[in-house]
PDB file of all heavy atoms in Angstrom:
ATOM      1  N   ARG A   1      19.824 -49.417 -12.641  1.00  0.00           N
ATOM      2  CA  ARG A   1      18.681 -50.257 -13.013  1.00  0.00           C
ATOM      3  C   ARG A   1      18.384 -50.066 -14.490  1.00  0.00           C
ATOM      4  O   ARG A   1      18.425 -48.946 -15.003  1.00  0.00           O
ATOM      5  CB  ARG A   1      17.453 -49.909 -12.174  1.00  0.00           C
ATOM      6  CG  ARG A   1      16.231 -50.773 -12.483  1.00  0.00           C
ATOM      7  CD  ARG A   1      15.106 -50.544 -11.495  1.00  0.00           C
ATOM      8  NE  ARG A   1      15.505 -50.864 -10.129  1.00  0.00           N
ATOM      9  CZ  ARG A   1      14.690 -51.409  -9.233  1.00  0.00           C
ATOM     10  NH1 ARG A   1      13.452 -51.713  -9.539  1.00  0.00           N
ATOM     11  NH2 ARG A   1      15.118 -51.640  -8.003  1.00  0.00           N
ATOM     12  N   VAL A   2      18.097 -51.164 -15.169  1.00  0.00           N
ATOM     13  CA  VAL A   2      17.676 -51.124 -16.563  1.00  0.00           C
ATOM     14  C   VAL A   2      16.291 -51.741 -16.652  1.00  0.00           C
ATOM     15  O   VAL A   2      16.070 -52.865 -16.198  1.00  0.00           O
ATOM     16  CB  VAL A   2      18.656 -51.891 -17.475  1.00  0.00           C
ATOM     17  CG1 VAL A   2      18.140 -51.939 -18.911  1.00  0.00           C
ATOM     18  CG2 VAL A   2      20.035 -51.246 -17.438  1.00  0.00           C
ATOM     19  N   ALA A   3      15.355 -50.984 -17.212  1.00  0.00           N
ATOM     20  CA  ALA A   3      13.993 -51.500 -17.397  1.00  0.00           C
ATOM     21  C   ALA A   3      13.968 -52.484 -18.559  1.00  0.00           C
ATOM     22  O   ALA A   3      14.898 -52.550 -19.367  1.00  0.00           O
ATOM     23  CB  ALA A   3      13.035 -50.341 -17.645  1.00  0.00           C
ATOM     24  N   ALA A   4      12.886 -53.231 -18.660  1.00  0.00           N
ATOM     25  CA  ALA A   4      12.775 -54.270 -19.681  1.00  0.00           C
ATOM     26  C   ALA A   4      12.864 -53.713 -21.098  1.00  0.00           C
ATOM     27  O   ALA A   4      13.270 -54.409 -22.027  1.00  0.00           O
ATOM     28  CB  ALA A   4      11.463 -55.035 -19.502  1.00  0.00           C
ATOM     29  N   ASN A   5      12.506 -52.440 -21.279  1.00  0.00           N
ATOM     30  CA  ASN A   5      12.564 -51.832 -22.609  1.00  0.00           C
ATOM     31  C   ASN A   5      13.896 -51.161 -22.899  1.00  0.00           C
ATOM     32  O   ASN A   5      14.088 -50.565 -23.955  1.00  0.00           O
ATOM     33  CB  ASN A   5      11.428 -50.814 -22.782  1.00  0.00           C
ATOM     34  CG  ASN A   5      11.648 -49.556 -21.951  1.00  0.00           C
ATOM     35  OD1 ASN A   5      12.371 -49.584 -20.951  1.00  0.00           O
ATOM     36  ND2 ASN A   5      11.023 -48.468 -22.347  1.00  0.00           N
ATOM     37  N   GLY A   6      14.836 -51.232 -21.948  1.00  0.00           N
ATOM     38  CA  GLY A   6      16.164 -50.661 -22.159  1.00  0.00           C
ATOM     39  C   GLY A   6      16.373 -49.281 -21.589  1.00  0.00           C
ATOM     40  O   GLY A   6      17.480 -48.740 -21.679  1.00  0.00           O
ATOM     41  N   ASP A   7      15.334 -48.651 -21.006  1.00  0.00           N
ATOM     42  CA  ASP A   7      15.542 -47.395 -20.293  1.00  0.00           C
ATOM     43  C   ASP A   7      16.465 -47.655 -19.101  1.00  0.00           C
ATOM     44  O   ASP A   7      16.340 -48.684 -18.431  1.00  0.00           O
ATOM     45  CB  ASP A   7      14.215 -46.826 -19.778  1.00  0.00           C
ATOM     46  CG  ASP A   7      13.300 -46.358 -20.891  1.00  0.00           C
ATOM     47  OD1 ASP A   7      13.762 -46.228 -22.038  1.00  0.00           O
ATOM     48  OD2 ASP A   7      12.102 -46.121 -20.612  1.00  0.00           O
ATOM     49  N   ALA A   8      17.378 -46.715 -18.824  1.00  0.00           N
ATOM     50  CA  ALA A   8      18.381 -46.954 -17.778  1.00  0.00           C
ATOM     51  C   ALA A   8      18.382 -45.846 -16.743  1.00  0.00           C
ATOM     52  O   ALA A   8      18.364 -44.671 -17.091  1.00  0.00           O
ATOM     53  CB  ALA A   8      19.774 -47.076 -18.397  1.00  0.00           C
ATOM     54  N   ALA A   9      18.390 -46.226 -15.462  1.00  0.00           N
ATOM     55  CA  ALA A   9      18.501 -45.266 -14.363  1.00  0.00           C
ATOM     56  C   ALA A   9      19.974 -45.010 -14.092  1.00  0.00           C
ATOM     57  O   ALA A   9      20.735 -45.934 -13.794  1.00  0.00           O
ATOM     58  CB  ALA A   9      17.825 -45.812 -13.118  1.00  0.00           C
ATOM     59  N   ASN A  10      20.374 -43.753 -14.248  1.00  0.00           N
ATOM     60  CA  ASN A  10      21.762 -43.350 -14.057  1.00  0.00           C
ATOM     61  C   ASN A  10      21.816 -42.186 -13.082  1.00  0.00           C
ATOM     62  O   ASN A  10      20.787 -41.686 -12.640  1.00  0.00           O
ATOM     63  CB  ASN A  10      22.380 -42.916 -15.383  1.00  0.00           C
ATOM     64  CG  ASN A  10      22.150 -43.904 -16.505  1.00  0.00           C
ATOM     65  OD1 ASN A  10      21.195 -43.761 -17.247  1.00  0.00           O
ATOM     66  ND2 ASN A  10      23.011 -44.885 -16.630  1.00  0.00           N
ATOM     67  N   LYS A  11      23.009 -41.739 -12.762  1.00  0.00           N
ATOM     68  CA  LYS A  11      23.149 -40.553 -11.919  1.00  0.00           C
ATOM     69  C   LYS A  11      22.449 -39.359 -12.560  1.00  0.00           C
ATOM     70  O   LYS A  11      22.334 -39.271 -13.775  1.00  0.00           O
ATOM     71  CB  LYS A  11      24.630 -40.231 -11.713  1.00  0.00           C
ATOM     72  CG  LYS A  11      25.372 -41.305 -10.937  1.00  0.00           C
ATOM     73  CD  LYS A  11      24.863 -41.429  -9.520  1.00  0.00           C
ATOM     74  CE  LYS A  11      25.621 -42.498  -8.758  1.00  0.00           C
ATOM     75  NZ  LYS A  11      25.312 -43.862  -9.209  1.00  0.00           N
ATOM     76  N   ILE A  12      21.998 -38.433 -11.744  1.00  0.00           N
ATOM     77  CA  ILE A  12      21.254 -37.281 -12.248  1.00  0.00           C
ATOM     78  C   ILE A  12      22.118 -36.501 -13.254  1.00  0.00           C
ATOM     79  O   ILE A  12      23.295 -36.258 -13.023  1.00  0.00           O
ATOM     80  CB  ILE A  12      20.789 -36.364 -11.089  1.00  0.00           C
ATOM     81  CG1 ILE A  12      19.771 -35.346 -11.573  1.00  0.00           C
ATOM     82  CG2 ILE A  12      21.953 -35.690 -10.395  1.00  0.00           C
ATOM     83  CD1 ILE A  12      18.441 -35.932 -11.929  1.00  0.00           C
ATOM     84  N   GLY A  13      21.514 -36.155 -14.374  1.00  0.00           N
ATOM     85  CA  GLY A  13      22.225 -35.441 -15.428  1.00  0.00           C
ATOM     86  C   GLY A  13      22.683 -36.323 -16.569  1.00  0.00           C
ATOM     87  O   GLY A  13      23.073 -35.829 -17.627  1.00  0.00           O
ATOM     88  N   THR A  14      22.616 -37.650 -16.388  1.00  0.00           N
ATOM     89  CA  THR A  14      23.086 -38.544 -17.441  1.00  0.00           C
ATOM     90  C   THR A  14      22.240 -38.422 -18.697  1.00  0.00           C
ATOM     91  O   THR A  14      22.760 -38.473 -19.815  1.00  0.00           O
ATOM     92  CB  THR A  14      23.078 -40.002 -16.946  1.00  0.00           C
ATOM     93  OG1 THR A  14      23.847 -40.104 -15.758  1.00  0.00           O
ATOM     94  CG2 THR A  14      23.675 -40.931 -17.988  1.00  0.00           C
ATOM     95  N   SER A  15      20.933 -38.266 -18.536  1.00  0.00           N
ATOM     96  CA  SER A  15      20.070 -38.165 -19.713  1.00  0.00           C
ATOM     97  C   SER A  15      20.401 -36.916 -20.532  1.00  0.00           C
ATOM     98  O   SER A  15      20.325 -36.932 -21.762  1.00  0.00           O
ATOM     99  CB  SER A  15      18.598 -38.180 -19.305  1.00  0.00           C
ATOM    100  OG  SER A  15      18.297 -37.123 -18.421  1.00  0.00           O
ATOM    101  N   SER A  16      20.801 -35.836 -19.871  1.00  0.00           N
ATOM    102  CA  SER A  16      21.215 -34.629 -20.585  1.00  0.00           C
ATOM    103  C   SER A  16      22.464 -34.893 -21.417  1.00  0.00           C
ATOM    104  O   SER A  16      22.588 -34.437 -22.565  1.00  0.00           O
ATOM    105  CB  SER A  16      21.481 -33.486 -19.607  1.00  0.00           C
ATOM    106  OG  SER A  16      20.342 -33.170 -18.846  1.00  0.00           O
ATOM    107  N   VAL A  17      23.412 -35.630 -20.836  1.00  0.00           N
ATOM    108  CA  VAL A  17      24.624 -36.005 -21.560  1.00  0.00           C
ATOM    109  C   VAL A  17      24.266 -36.877 -22.766  1.00  0.00           C
ATOM    110  O   VAL A  17      24.842 -36.733 -23.853  1.00  0.00           O
ATOM    111  CB  VAL A  17      25.603 -36.742 -20.629  1.00  0.00           C
ATOM    112  CG1 VAL A  17      26.799 -37.284 -21.408  1.00  0.00           C
ATOM    113  CG2 VAL A  17      26.081 -35.824 -19.518  1.00  0.00           C
ATOM    114  N   ALA A  18      23.280 -37.779 -22.580  1.00  0.00           N
ATOM    115  CA  ALA A  18      22.861 -38.656 -23.679  1.00  0.00           C
ATOM    116  C   ALA A  18      22.257 -37.868 -24.830  1.00  0.00           C
ATOM    117  O   ALA A  18      22.488 -38.180 -26.014  1.00  0.00           O
ATOM    118  CB  ALA A  18      21.868 -39.685 -23.154  1.00  0.00           C
ATOM    119  N   VAL A  19      21.477 -36.849 -24.504  1.00  0.00           N
ATOM    120  CA  VAL A  19      20.888 -35.996 -25.547  1.00  0.00           C
ATOM    121  C   VAL A  19      21.996 -35.297 -26.335  1.00  0.00           C
ATOM    122  O   VAL A  19      21.963 -35.225 -27.573  1.00  0.00           O
ATOM    123  CB  VAL A  19      19.922 -34.965 -24.927  1.00  0.00           C
ATOM    124  CG1 VAL A  19      19.498 -33.931 -25.963  1.00  0.00           C
ATOM    125  CG2 VAL A  19      18.693 -35.663 -24.353  1.00  0.00           C
ATOM    126  N   LEU A  20      23.000 -34.778 -25.624  1.00  0.00           N
ATOM    127  CA  LEU A  20      24.123 -34.122 -26.279  1.00  0.00           C
ATOM    128  C   LEU A  20      24.895 -35.097 -27.158  1.00  0.00           C
ATOM    129  O   LEU A  20      25.293 -34.764 -28.285  1.00  0.00           O
ATOM    130  CB  LEU A  20      25.053 -33.515 -25.229  1.00  0.00           C
ATOM    131  CG  LEU A  20      24.540 -32.282 -24.492  1.00  0.00           C
ATOM    132  CD1 LEU A  20      25.402 -31.989 -23.270  1.00  0.00           C
ATOM    133  CD2 LEU A  20      24.525 -31.070 -25.433  1.00  0.00           C
ATOM    134  N   ALA A  21      25.131 -36.306 -26.650  1.00  0.00           N
ATOM    135  CA  ALA A  21      25.857 -37.306 -27.423  1.00  0.00           C
ATOM    136  C   ALA A  21      25.097 -37.664 -28.704  1.00  0.00           C
ATOM    137  O   ALA A  21      25.702 -37.822 -29.772  1.00  0.00           O
ATOM    138  CB  ALA A  21      26.083 -38.555 -26.574  1.00  0.00           C
ATOM    139  N   LYS A  22      23.782 -37.764 -28.597  1.00  0.00           N
ATOM    140  CA  LYS A  22      22.950 -38.045 -29.767  1.00  0.00           C
ATOM    141  C   LYS A  22      23.095 -36.925 -30.794  1.00  0.00           C
ATOM    142  O   LYS A  22      23.242 -37.174 -32.001  1.00  0.00           O
ATOM    143  CB  LYS A  22      21.492 -38.179 -29.328  1.00  0.00           C
ATOM    144  CG  LYS A  22      20.529 -38.573 -30.441  1.00  0.00           C
ATOM    145  CD  LYS A  22      20.462 -40.078 -30.600  1.00  0.00           C
ATOM    146  CE  LYS A  22      19.307 -40.492 -31.471  1.00  0.00           C
ATOM    147  NZ  LYS A  22      19.196 -41.960 -31.592  1.00  0.00           N
ATOM    148  N   HIS A  23      23.073 -35.688 -30.323  1.00  0.00           N
ATOM    149  CA  HIS A  23      23.180 -34.523 -31.212  1.00  0.00           C
ATOM    150  C   HIS A  23      24.520 -34.518 -31.948  1.00  0.00           C
ATOM    151  O   HIS A  23      24.572 -34.224 -33.153  1.00  0.00           O
ATOM    152  CB  HIS A  23      23.015 -33.242 -30.412  1.00  0.00           C
ATOM    153  CG  HIS A  23      23.205 -31.998 -31.219  1.00  0.00           C
ATOM    154  ND1 HIS A  23      22.261 -31.539 -32.110  1.00  0.00           N
ATOM    155  CD2 HIS A  23      24.247 -31.117 -31.279  1.00  0.00           C
ATOM    156  CE1 HIS A  23      22.706 -30.430 -32.688  1.00  0.00           C
ATOM    157  NE2 HIS A  23      23.907 -30.156 -32.195  1.00  0.00           N
ATOM    158  N   TYR A  24      25.596 -34.838 -31.237  1.00  0.00           N
ATOM    159  CA  TYR A  24      26.927 -34.798 -31.837  1.00  0.00           C
ATOM    160  C   TYR A  24      27.356 -36.151 -32.416  1.00  0.00           C
ATOM    161  O   TYR A  24      28.510 -36.322 -32.815  1.00  0.00           O
ATOM    162  CB  TYR A  24      27.946 -34.308 -30.808  1.00  0.00           C
ATOM    163  CG  TYR A  24      27.819 -32.836 -30.510  1.00  0.00           C
ATOM    164  CD1 TYR A  24      27.275 -32.390 -29.304  1.00  0.00           C
ATOM    165  CD2 TYR A  24      28.211 -31.878 -31.442  1.00  0.00           C
ATOM    166  CE1 TYR A  24      27.143 -31.028 -29.028  1.00  0.00           C
ATOM    167  CE2 TYR A  24      28.082 -30.521 -31.176  1.00  0.00           C
ATOM    168  CZ  TYR A  24      27.539 -30.102 -29.976  1.00  0.00           C
ATOM    169  OH  TYR A  24      27.411 -28.756 -29.721  1.00  0.00           O
ATOM    170  N   ARG A  25      26.444 -37.106 -32.445  1.00  0.00           N
ATOM    171  CA  ARG A  25      26.670 -38.429 -33.041  1.00  0.00           C
ATOM    172  C   ARG A  25      27.849 -39.143 -32.387  1.00  0.00           C
ATOM    173  O   ARG A  25      28.712 -39.716 -33.053  1.00  0.00           O
ATOM    174  CB  ARG A  25      26.868 -38.302 -34.558  1.00  0.00           C
ATOM    175  CG  ARG A  25      25.659 -37.712 -35.272  1.00  0.00           C
ATOM    176  CD  ARG A  25      25.873 -37.610 -36.758  1.00  0.00           C
ATOM    177  NE  ARG A  25      24.694 -37.031 -37.408  1.00  0.00           N
ATOM    178  CZ  ARG A  25      24.590 -36.808 -38.715  1.00  0.00           C
ATOM    179  NH1 ARG A  25      25.599 -37.112 -39.528  1.00  0.00           N
ATOM    180  NH2 ARG A  25      23.493 -36.271 -39.225  1.00  0.00           N
ATOM    181  N   ILE A  26      27.857 -39.103 -31.079  1.00  0.00           N
ATOM    182  CA  ILE A  26      28.886 -39.768 -30.283  1.00  0.00           C
ATOM    183  C   ILE A  26      28.262 -40.994 -29.619  1.00  0.00           C
ATOM    184  O   ILE A  26      27.183 -40.900 -29.025  1.00  0.00           O
ATOM    185  CB  ILE A  26      29.438 -38.808 -29.210  1.00  0.00           C
ATOM    186  CG1 ILE A  26      30.144 -37.618 -29.881  1.00  0.00           C
ATOM    187  CG2 ILE A  26      30.386 -39.528 -28.257  1.00  0.00           C
ATOM    188  CD1 ILE A  26      30.498 -36.500 -28.923  1.00  0.00           C
ATOM    189  N   PRO A  27      28.897 -42.163 -29.694  1.00  0.00           N
ATOM    190  CA  PRO A  27      28.341 -43.359 -29.048  1.00  0.00           C
ATOM    191  C   PRO A  27      28.148 -43.149 -27.548  1.00  0.00           C
ATOM    192  O   PRO A  27      29.045 -42.623 -26.871  1.00  0.00           O
ATOM    193  CB  PRO A  27      29.389 -44.435 -29.318  1.00  0.00           C
ATOM    194  CG  PRO A  27      30.154 -43.945 -30.499  1.00  0.00           C
ATOM    195  CD  PRO A  27      30.150 -42.443 -30.397  1.00  0.00           C
TER     196      PRO A  27
END
């Protein structure tokens, strides 16, 4: 599910991976 503002519901732990990707500048 994607909310109107672009927040996305993913499998548990995905947001942690996103934080790491942001830190290491990975798309």
